[in-house]
């Protein structure tokens, strides 16, 4: 999956460089803007890829520890009779 996204990003960067080169030759602002937008979309694609990777690791870790935390929290609620302070959401 990484290689596919990397290939797409390289293609986007090459396209943006070509657009910017044509903008310099023809002195056109619209092509320069288009090249900038394509390059920024390539950067955004990489940022989203890395953020989703970290998020997926977080979800995987949460799924592994979730049943254990549910058991601990229900055991504490049954023993105290009320919700402990650390389980209540902070304002």
Protein backbone atom coordinates (compact mmCIF):
# COMPACT_ATOMS: atom_id res chain seq x y z
CA UNK A 1 0.00 0.00 0.00
CA UNK A 2 2.87 2.35 0.79
CA UNK A 3 4.40 1.82 -2.65
CA UNK A 4 1.11 2.64 -4.36
CA UNK A 5 0.72 5.87 -2.40
CA UNK A 6 4.38 6.71 -2.95
CA UNK A 7 3.97 6.21 -6.70
CA UNK A 8 0.89 8.47 -6.70
CA UNK A 9 2.75 11.15 -4.75
CA UNK A 10 5.74 11.02 -7.10
CA UNK A 11 3.41 11.32 -10.09
CA UNK A 12 1.65 14.30 -8.49
CA UNK A 13 4.95 16.04 -7.75
CA UNK A 14 6.19 15.44 -11.30
CA UNK A 15 2.94 16.81 -12.68
CA UNK A 16 3.13 19.88 -10.46
CA UNK A 17 6.72 20.55 -11.53
CA UNK A 18 5.70 20.29 -15.16
CA UNK A 19 2.82 22.71 -14.59
CA UNK A 20 5.10 25.18 -12.83
CA UNK A 21 7.69 24.92 -15.59
CA UNK A 22 5.03 25.71 -18.19
CA UNK A 23 3.84 28.60 -16.03
CA UNK A 24 7.33 30.11 -16.01
CA UNK A 25 7.66 29.76 -19.78
CA UNK A 26 4.31 31.35 -20.53
CA UNK A 27 4.18 33.76 -17.58
CA UNK A 28 0.80 32.36 -16.51
CA UNK A 29 -0.35 32.69 -12.93
CA UNK A 30 -3.10 30.09 -13.27
CA UNK A 31 -0.65 27.31 -14.15
CA UNK A 32 1.57 28.29 -11.24
CA UNK A 33 -1.44 28.15 -8.93
CA UNK A 34 -2.45 24.78 -10.36
CA UNK A 35 1.06 23.43 -9.82
CA UNK A 36 1.06 24.66 -6.25
CA UNK A 37 -2.31 23.04 -5.59
CA UNK A 38 -1.19 19.71 -7.05
CA UNK A 39 2.00 19.78 -4.96
CA UNK A 40 0.06 20.64 -1.81
CA UNK A 41 -2.35 17.77 -2.49
CA UNK A 42 0.63 15.41 -2.71
CA UNK A 43 1.89 16.68 0.64
CA UNK A 44 -1.58 16.32 2.15
CA UNK A 45 -1.82 12.76 0.86
CA UNK A 46 1.41 11.82 2.63
CA UNK A 47 0.32 13.58 5.82
CA UNK A 48 -2.99 11.73 5.86
CA UNK A 49 -1.21 8.43 5.22
CA UNK A 50 1.09 8.88 8.21
CA UNK A 51 -1.69 10.17 10.46
CA UNK A 52 -3.93 7.23 9.59
CA UNK A 53 -1.07 4.83 10.31
CA UNK A 54 -0.70 6.23 13.80
CA UNK A 55 -4.48 6.23 14.29
CA UNK A 56 -4.76 2.60 13.22
CA UNK A 57 -2.03 1.62 15.70
CA UNK A 58 -3.94 3.50 18.42
CA UNK A 59 -7.20 1.72 17.56
CA UNK A 60 -5.45 -1.65 17.48
CA UNK A 61 -3.90 -1.00 20.89
CA UNK A 62 -7.24 0.19 22.28
CA UNK A 63 -9.01 -2.93 20.99
CA UNK A 64 -6.48 -5.16 22.73
CA UNK A 65 -6.78 -3.43 26.11
CA UNK A 66 -10.51 -2.67 26.00
CA UNK A 67 -11.90 -5.94 27.47
CA UNK A 68 -9.46 -5.78 30.36
CA UNK A 69 -10.42 -2.19 31.17
CA UNK A 70 -14.14 -3.01 31.01
CA UNK A 71 -13.67 -5.77 33.55
CA UNK A 72 -11.64 -3.53 35.87
CA UNK A 73 -14.12 -0.65 35.65
CA UNK A 74 -17.16 -2.87 36.33
CA UNK A 75 -15.37 -4.52 39.25
CA UNK A 76 -14.59 -1.11 40.75
CA UNK A 77 -18.13 0.15 40.26
CA UNK A 78 -19.55 -2.94 41.94
CA UNK A 79 -17.14 -2.65 44.87
CA UNK A 80 -17.59 1.12 45.42
CA UNK A 81 -21.25 1.32 44.50
CA UNK A 82 -20.61 4.52 42.53
CA UNK A 83 -18.48 5.66 39.64
CA UNK A 84 -14.88 6.43 40.67
CA UNK A 85 -13.57 9.92 39.99
CA UNK A 86 -11.04 8.77 37.41
CA UNK A 87 -13.81 7.26 35.27
CA UNK A 88 -15.80 10.48 35.15
CA UNK A 89 -15.12 12.73 32.14
CA UNK A 90 -13.28 15.95 32.94
CA UNK A 91 -14.94 19.19 31.97
